[in-house]
Amino acid sequence: MIVEPDFLSDTLINWYAENHRDLPWRHHPSPYQVWISEIILQQTRVNQGREYYLRFIERWPTVESLAQASEEEVLKTWQGLGYYSRARNLLQCARQVVGQHGGAFPADFNLLLKLKGIGNYTAAAIASIAFGLPHAVVDGNVFRVLSRLFDIDTPININEGQAAFAQLADELLDRDRPGLHNQAMMEFGALHCTPKNPDCLLCPLQAQCMALARRTVMQRPVKTAKAKVTTLYLNYLVLRFDDKTYLRKRSGNGIWRNLYDFPCVESPKPMEVEAVLKSEQFLQLIGNNTFTVTKVTPDFTHKLTHRTLVARFIEIKLSQELPPFETKDIFLTREKDLGRYPIPRLIDLYLNT
């Protein structure tokens, strides 16, 4: 191994002592606080995640208080972070900790893995930072630092690559200071060994970095080609009667399950407004009601991992209420009450503009 583990850990920890960000979950890293922060920071920038973390901790300061919350409350507080399965898992995990572990997160890596929504990375973060257990974390920042330091060209998004990096991270781990080592490694990748414009000239590991010596820094880490991104067109129907609007509660197993939006005509291709209003789905929804289209918004675009959503909102004034829906997933609510429902980011963008 080119870099001695002790040298690497000492260098990173010294760098961390001088350069780390002052983040609220680092002040008193209890298992609960580490867990909340790590779940929020998955797929979320730190600056945005900080505000959500403070909001969650203020509203639910303990795992017991979170376990007593309703799913709708948690989804509403989570609103805007996306990947809503994280919020649902958060609540289920809190209830597991209370119901199965007496309200205390287990100080055991394998038991942590049995909790809902906790994988290898989050379990290692809780185990090392909150309990001082020797488990190495491997996230995007760690992949980048290690792939550059050792000039590794194995793709990080295949099983072979992930296993190799996990083994290397474990070999390099400071077992006397695992939590500090892990935080230093991740922070170094986040602030110094960044994806673009890494500060190689002032890097404390400059002499040991094989990618710098071989001029492959910007080619590390390696990823295999991404899956093709598809586009889905959402023609939302904002149906209004007097001062009320029809909302839809989404069911099924989709990413927006139990969130609220408007009735919608979906299409793999763009549709003219006239085509939407003549679609079978719209005609079944509207029945014999007469209506007036009052506004059609510009498109709103929302990018997900494997799909791009393009949404348009067609505002419609109804002459009378629609007949009651048997499924009860579409219902009439006062416009002033729309803000109390947990909604997807697209709906939030529309309501705020």
Protein backbone atom coordinates (compact mmCIF):
# COMPACT_ATOMS: atom_id res chain seq x y z
CA MET A 1 0.00 0.00 0.00
CA ILE A 2 1.45 3.36 -1.08
CA VAL A 3 -0.10 5.33 1.77
CA GLU A 4 0.41 4.15 5.32
CA PRO A 5 -2.93 4.04 7.18
CA ASP A 6 -1.58 5.93 10.21
CA PHE A 7 -0.14 8.69 8.02
CA LEU A 8 -3.37 9.02 6.06
CA SER A 9 -5.57 9.14 9.13
CA ASP A 10 -3.33 11.63 11.00
CA THR A 11 -3.14 13.87 7.92
CA LEU A 12 -6.89 13.87 7.35
CA ILE A 13 -7.76 14.38 11.01
CA ASN A 14 -5.31 17.30 11.29
CA TRP A 15 -6.82 18.80 8.14
CA TYR A 16 -10.32 18.25 9.55
CA ALA A 17 -9.45 20.00 12.82
CA GLU A 18 -8.60 23.18 10.89
CA ASN A 19 -11.12 23.08 8.05
CA HIS A 20 -14.32 21.27 9.01
CA ARG A 21 -17.70 22.98 8.77
CA ASP A 22 -19.61 23.83 11.93
CA LEU A 23 -22.68 21.62 11.46
CA PRO A 24 -25.35 21.20 14.18
CA TRP A 25 -25.32 17.38 14.22
CA ARG A 26 -21.59 17.44 15.03
CA HIS A 27 -22.07 19.30 18.30
CA HIS A 28 -23.52 16.39 20.26
CA PRO A 29 -23.47 13.36 17.96
CA SER A 30 -26.03 11.10 19.62
CA PRO A 31 -27.17 8.06 17.64
CA TYR A 32 -30.52 9.79 16.97
CA GLN A 33 -28.91 12.99 15.68
CA VAL A 34 -26.38 11.12 13.51
CA TRP A 35 -29.20 9.02 12.06
CA ILE A 36 -31.47 12.00 11.30
CA SER A 37 -28.62 13.92 9.65
CA GLU A 38 -27.44 10.99 7.54
CA ILE A 39 -30.93 10.16 6.24
CA ILE A 40 -31.58 13.81 5.34
CA LEU A 41 -28.20 14.25 3.65
CA GLN A 42 -28.76 11.32 1.30
CA GLN A 43 -29.42 12.98 -2.09
CA THR A 44 -29.46 16.42 -0.37
CA ARG A 45 -26.92 19.27 -0.25
CA VAL A 46 -25.62 20.16 3.21
CA ASN A 47 -26.87 23.76 3.11
CA GLN A 48 -30.40 22.59 2.39
CA GLY A 49 -30.18 19.62 4.72
CA ARG A 50 -29.10 21.75 7.67
CA GLU A 51 -32.44 23.59 7.75
CA TYR A 52 -34.43 20.38 7.51
CA TYR A 53 -32.33 18.78 10.24
CA LEU A 54 -33.00 21.68 12.61
CA ARG A 55 -36.70 21.55 11.74
CA PHE A 56 -36.90 17.83 12.50
CA ILE A 57 -34.92 18.04 15.74
CA GLU A 58 -37.02 20.98 16.97
CA ARG A 59 -40.29 19.22 16.23
CA TRP A 60 -39.20 15.71 17.26
CA PRO A 61 -36.21 16.01 19.64
CA THR A 62 -36.18 12.28 20.47
CA VAL A 63 -36.78 9.06 18.61
CA GLU A 64 -39.77 8.44 20.91
CA SER A 65 -41.43 11.69 19.84
CA LEU A 66 -40.81 10.94 16.16
CA ALA A 67 -42.25 7.45 16.53
CA GLN A 68 -45.55 8.99 17.68
CA ALA A 69 -45.86 11.26 14.62
CA SER A 70 -48.24 10.51 11.76
CA GLU A 71 -46.92 9.73 8.30
CA GLU A 72 -48.66 12.82 6.95
CA GLU A 73 -46.88 15.04 9.50
CA VAL A 74 -43.50 13.57 8.60
CA LEU A 75 -44.13 13.87 4.85
CA LYS A 76 -45.20 17.50 5.26
CA THR A 77 -42.07 18.36 7.26
CA TRP A 78 -39.96 16.48 4.69
CA GLN A 79 -41.61 18.30 1.77
CA GLY A 80 -39.07 19.66 -0.70
CA LEU A 81 -36.34 17.08 -0.03
CA GLY A 82 -37.65 14.55 -2.55
CA TYR A 83 -37.10 10.79 -2.49
CA TYR A 84 -40.04 10.49 -0.10
CA SER A 85 -39.34 6.84 0.69
CA ARG A 86 -36.62 8.21 2.98
CA ALA A 87 -39.27 10.00 5.06
CA ARG A 88 -41.50 6.94 5.26
CA ASN A 89 -38.55 4.77 6.26
CA LEU A 90 -37.54 7.38 8.84
CA LEU A 91 -40.87 7.02 10.60
CA GLN A 92 -40.89 3.21 10.38
CA CYS A 93 -37.34 3.07 11.71
CA ALA A 94 -38.21 5.30 14.68
CA ARG A 95 -41.10 2.99 15.52
CA GLN A 96 -38.79 -0.03 15.24
CA VAL A 97 -36.24 1.53 17.62
CA VAL A 98 -38.97 2.27 20.16
CA GLY A 99 -40.85 -0.99 19.74
CA GLN A 100 -37.94 -3.40 19.45
CA HIS A 101 -35.06 -1.64 21.24
CA GLY A 102 -36.74 0.37 23.98
CA GLY A 103 -36.05 3.71 22.31
CA ALA A 104 -32.26 3.22 22.10
CA PHE A 105 -30.43 2.65 18.83
CA PRO A 106 -28.48 -0.64 19.11
CA ALA A 107 -24.72 -0.28 19.41
CA ASP A 108 -24.26 -3.11 16.94
CA PHE A 109 -23.63 -2.78 13.19
CA ASN A 110 -25.65 -5.86 12.22
CA LEU A 111 -28.62 -4.86 14.36
CA LEU A 112 -28.53 -1.37 12.85
CA LEU A 113 -28.75 -2.93 9.38
CA LYS A 114 -32.05 -4.57 10.35
CA LEU A 115 -33.68 -1.18 10.88
CA LYS A 116 -35.84 0.21 8.07
CA GLY A 117 -33.99 2.48 5.67
CA ILE A 118 -30.54 1.85 7.16
CA GLY A 119 -27.95 0.38 4.80
CA ASN A 120 -24.21 -0.22 5.12
CA TYR A 121 -23.27 3.45 4.87
CA THR A 122 -25.74 4.77 7.46
CA ALA A 123 -25.08 1.86 9.81
CA ALA A 124 -21.33 2.53 9.60
CA ALA A 125 -21.86 6.25 10.24
CA ILE A 126 -23.99 5.63 13.35
CA ALA A 127 -21.75 2.85 14.62
CA SER A 128 -18.51 4.83 14.23
CA ILE A 129 -19.59 8.39 15.04
CA ALA A 130 -22.10 7.72 17.82
CA PHE A 131 -20.64 4.52 19.32
CA GLY A 132 -16.95 4.60 18.33
CA LEU A 133 -17.16 1.21 16.61
CA PRO A 134 -14.59 0.40 13.87
CA HIS A 135 -16.72 0.51 10.72
CA ALA A 136 -15.60 2.50 7.67
CA VAL A 137 -18.10 4.63 5.78
CA VAL A 138 -18.04 4.66 2.00
CA ASP A 139 -19.99 7.46 0.31
CA GLY A 140 -19.44 9.50 -2.84
CA ASN A 141 -16.77 11.59 -1.18
CA VAL A 142 -14.86 8.54 0.04
CA PHE A 143 -15.07 6.93 -3.41
CA ARG A 144 -13.54 10.06 -4.92
CA VAL A 145 -10.71 10.46 -2.40
CA LEU A 146 -9.65 6.82 -2.52
CA SER A 147 -9.98 6.43 -6.29
CA ARG A 148 -7.70 9.44 -6.79
CA LEU A 149 -5.26 8.62 -4.02
CA PHE A 150 -4.69 5.11 -5.41
CA ASP A 151 -5.63 5.89 -9.03
CA ILE A 152 -8.27 3.16 -9.13
CA ASP A 153 -10.13 2.75 -12.41
CA THR A 154 -12.64 0.13 -11.24
CA PRO A 155 -16.15 1.62 -11.65
CA ILE A 156 -17.72 2.60 -8.37
CA ASN A 157 -21.28 1.77 -9.46
CA ILE A 158 -20.77 -1.97 -9.95
CA ASN A 159 -20.72 -4.63 -7.24
CA GLU A 160 -17.04 -5.45 -7.79
CA GLY A 161 -16.01 -1.83 -7.40
CA GLN A 162 -18.12 -1.22 -4.33
CA ALA A 163 -16.72 -4.31 -2.62
CA ALA A 164 -13.14 -3.30 -3.45
CA PHE A 165 -13.56 0.24 -2.13
CA ALA A 166 -15.28 -1.02 1.02
CA GLN A 167 -12.34 -3.33 1.70
CA LEU A 168 -9.81 -0.56 1.06
CA ALA A 169 -11.66 1.89 3.31
CA ASP A 170 -11.69 -0.74 6.07
CA GLU A 171 -7.95 -1.36 5.72
CA LEU A 172 -7.26 2.38 6.03
CA LEU A 173 -9.64 2.97 8.96
CA ASP A 174 -8.19 4.37 12.19
CA ARG A 175 -9.64 1.88 14.65
CA ASP A 176 -8.84 4.05 17.64
CA ARG A 177 -10.70 7.05 16.19
CA PRO A 178 -13.16 5.59 13.65
CA GLY A 179 -15.79 8.30 13.93
CA LEU A 180 -13.30 11.13 13.57
CA HIS A 181 -11.50 9.32 10.74
CA ASN A 182 -14.75 8.79 8.82
CA GLN A 183 -15.89 12.39 9.24
CA ALA A 184 -12.47 13.68 8.18
CA MET A 185 -12.42 11.49 5.07
CA MET A 186 -15.92 12.59 4.01
CA GLU A 187 -15.29 16.25 4.76
CA PHE A 188 -12.01 16.19 2.85
CA GLY A 189 -13.84 14.90 -0.21
CA ALA A 190 -16.64 17.42 0.20
CA LEU A 191 -14.44 20.51 0.64
CA HIS A 192 -10.98 19.80 -0.77
CA CYS A 193 -10.89 16.78 -3.10
CA THR A 194 -13.99 18.00 -4.90
CA PRO A 195 -15.49 16.65 -8.14
CA LYS A 196 -14.52 19.81 -10.03
CA ASN A 197 -11.52 22.03 -9.35
CA PRO A 198 -9.90 19.99 -6.54
CA ASP A 199 -7.18 21.97 -4.78
CA CYS A 200 -4.32 19.62 -5.72
CA LEU A 201 -1.59 22.28 -5.34
CA LEU A 202 -2.36 22.73 -1.65
CA CYS A 203 -3.33 19.14 -0.91
CA PRO A 204 -1.72 17.63 2.20
CA LEU A 205 -1.72 14.28 0.37
CA GLN A 206 -0.20 15.67 -2.82
CA ALA A 207 3.01 13.57 -2.61
CA GLN A 208 1.01 10.36 -2.09
CA CYS A 209 -1.68 10.92 -4.75
CA MET A 210 -1.16 8.51 -7.65
CA ALA A 211 -3.84 10.11 -9.81
CA LEU A 212 -2.09 13.47 -9.52
CA ALA A 213 1.21 11.88 -10.53
CA ARG A 214 -0.43 10.17 -13.50
CA ARG A 215 -2.63 13.18 -14.40
CA THR A 216 -5.85 11.20 -14.08
CA VAL A 217 -7.43 13.21 -11.26
CA MET A 218 -10.39 14.35 -13.33
CA GLN A 219 -10.99 10.82 -14.62
CA ARG A 220 -11.50 9.48 -11.10
CA PRO A 221 -13.73 7.99 -9.90
CA VAL A 222 -14.93 5.90 -12.85
CA LYS A 223 -18.60 5.17 -13.40
CA THR A 224 -20.29 2.96 -15.96
CA ALA A 225 -22.80 4.56 -18.33
CA LYS A 226 -26.06 5.66 -16.74
CA ALA A 227 -29.40 4.20 -17.69
CA LYS A 228 -31.37 6.15 -20.28
CA VAL A 229 -33.52 8.88 -18.76
CA THR A 230 -37.15 8.88 -19.94
CA THR A 231 -39.54 11.83 -19.97
CA LEU A 232 -43.10 11.78 -18.64
CA TYR A 233 -45.55 14.60 -19.33
CA LEU A 234 -48.00 15.49 -16.57
CA ASN A 235 -51.08 17.53 -17.46
CA TYR A 236 -52.41 18.52 -14.06
CA LEU A 237 -56.07 19.49 -13.82
CA VAL A 238 -56.60 22.22 -11.23
CA LEU A 239 -60.37 21.91 -10.88
CA ARG A 240 -61.95 24.74 -8.91
CA PHE A 241 -65.47 25.29 -7.64
CA ASP A 242 -66.13 28.50 -5.70
CA ASP A 243 -63.21 28.80 -3.26
CA LYS A 244 -62.40 25.11 -3.28
CA THR A 245 -60.05 22.90 -5.31
CA TYR A 246 -59.98 19.17 -6.00
CA LEU A 247 -56.96 17.34 -4.60
CA ARG A 248 -55.86 13.77 -5.17
CA LYS A 249 -54.20 11.57 -2.58
CA ARG A 250 -51.78 9.23 -4.34
CA SER A 251 -51.89 5.56 -3.46
CA GLY A 252 -50.01 2.53 -4.75
CA ASN A 253 -46.26 1.99 -4.34
CA GLY A 254 -44.90 4.96 -6.31
CA ILE A 255 -42.37 7.46 -5.02
CA TRP A 256 -45.20 9.92 -4.22
CA ARG A 257 -47.34 7.46 -2.29
CA ASN A 258 -49.54 9.22 0.29
CA LEU A 259 -48.60 12.66 -1.05
CA TYR A 260 -51.22 14.99 -2.51
CA ASP A 261 -51.42 16.47 -5.97
CA PHE A 262 -54.13 17.27 -8.53
CA PRO A 263 -55.96 14.91 -10.89
CA CYS A 264 -53.67 14.34 -13.85
CA VAL A 265 -53.57 13.11 -17.43
CA GLU A 266 -50.16 11.51 -18.03
CA SER A 267 -48.54 11.02 -21.41
CA PRO A 268 -45.17 9.83 -22.79
CA LYS A 269 -45.38 12.69 -25.32
CA PRO A 270 -46.47 16.35 -25.08
CA MET A 271 -50.24 16.88 -25.48
CA GLU A 272 -52.13 19.92 -26.69
CA VAL A 273 -54.62 21.30 -24.17
CA GLU A 274 -57.47 20.40 -26.49
CA ALA A 275 -56.28 16.78 -26.57
CA VAL A 276 -56.15 16.67 -22.77
CA LEU A 277 -59.72 17.98 -22.54
CA LYS A 278 -60.90 15.34 -25.02
CA SER A 279 -59.06 12.46 -23.36
CA GLU A 280 -61.06 9.59 -21.91
CA GLN A 281 -59.51 10.16 -18.49
CA PHE A 282 -60.62 13.80 -18.41
CA LEU A 283 -64.13 13.06 -19.69
CA GLN A 284 -64.63 10.34 -17.07
CA LEU A 285 -63.46 12.73 -14.38
CA ILE A 286 -65.58 15.71 -15.45
CA GLY A 287 -68.75 13.86 -16.41
CA ASN A 288 -71.55 16.14 -17.64
CA ASN A 289 -70.18 19.18 -15.82
CA THR A 290 -69.65 22.37 -17.80
CA PHE A 291 -66.37 24.19 -17.29
CA THR A 292 -64.13 27.03 -18.37
CA VAL A 293 -60.35 26.88 -18.81
CA THR A 294 -59.05 29.98 -17.04
CA LYS A 295 -55.29 29.48 -17.31
CA VAL A 296 -52.61 27.17 -18.69
CA THR A 297 -49.21 27.52 -17.05
CA PRO A 298 -45.80 27.22 -18.70
CA ASP A 299 -44.04 23.88 -18.20
CA PHE A 300 -42.41 22.98 -14.91
CA THR A 301 -39.50 20.51 -15.17
CA HIS A 302 -38.41 18.20 -12.37
CA LYS A 303 -35.48 15.78 -12.82
CA LEU A 304 -35.42 12.45 -11.02
CA THR A 305 -32.71 9.79 -11.19
CA HIS A 306 -34.09 7.89 -14.18
CA ARG A 307 -36.92 10.13 -15.29
CA THR A 308 -37.63 13.74 -16.17
CA LEU A 309 -41.08 15.05 -15.32
CA VAL A 310 -42.53 17.89 -17.39
CA ALA A 311 -45.66 19.29 -15.77
CA ARG A 312 -48.25 21.77 -16.95
CA PHE A 313 -51.17 22.99 -14.88
CA ILE A 314 -54.53 23.56 -16.57
CA GLU A 315 -56.72 25.69 -14.32
CA ILE A 316 -60.41 24.97 -14.77
CA LYS A 317 -63.49 26.63 -13.28
CA LEU A 318 -66.39 24.24 -12.76
CA SER A 319 -70.04 25.22 -12.91
CA GLN A 320 -70.94 22.74 -10.18
CA GLU A 321 -69.36 20.18 -7.89
CA LEU A 322 -68.35 16.84 -9.33
CA PRO A 323 -70.26 13.75 -8.18
CA PRO A 324 -68.64 12.00 -5.19
CA PHE A 325 -65.82 9.66 -6.17
CA GLU A 326 -66.15 6.04 -5.06
CA THR A 327 -62.44 5.69 -4.33
CA LYS A 328 -62.37 8.89 -2.23
CA ASP A 329 -58.83 9.55 -3.44
CA ILE A 330 -60.06 12.78 -5.10
CA PHE A 331 -61.76 15.25 -2.81
CA LEU A 332 -62.69 18.93 -2.57
CA THR A 333 -60.81 21.15 -0.14
CA ARG A 334 -60.65 24.87 0.54
CA GLU A 335 -57.88 26.68 -1.30
CA LYS A 336 -56.61 28.23 1.92
CA ASP A 337 -56.06 24.71 3.31
CA LEU A 338 -53.85 23.47 0.46
CA GLY A 339 -50.70 24.36 2.39
CA ARG A 340 -51.34 21.81 5.13
CA TYR A 341 -51.06 18.79 2.86
CA PRO A 342 -47.72 17.09 2.05
CA ILE A 343 -47.15 17.62 -1.68
CA PRO A 344 -44.46 16.75 -4.27
CA ARG A 345 -41.91 19.38 -5.29
CA LEU A 346 -43.69 20.02 -8.60
CA ILE A 347 -46.94 20.96 -6.88
CA ASP A 348 -45.06 23.14 -4.41
CA LEU A 349 -43.39 25.01 -7.30
CA TYR A 350 -46.77 25.62 -8.91
CA LEU A 351 -48.46 26.84 -5.72
CA ASN A 352 -45.59 29.20 -4.97
CA THR A 353 -45.71 30.82 -8.43
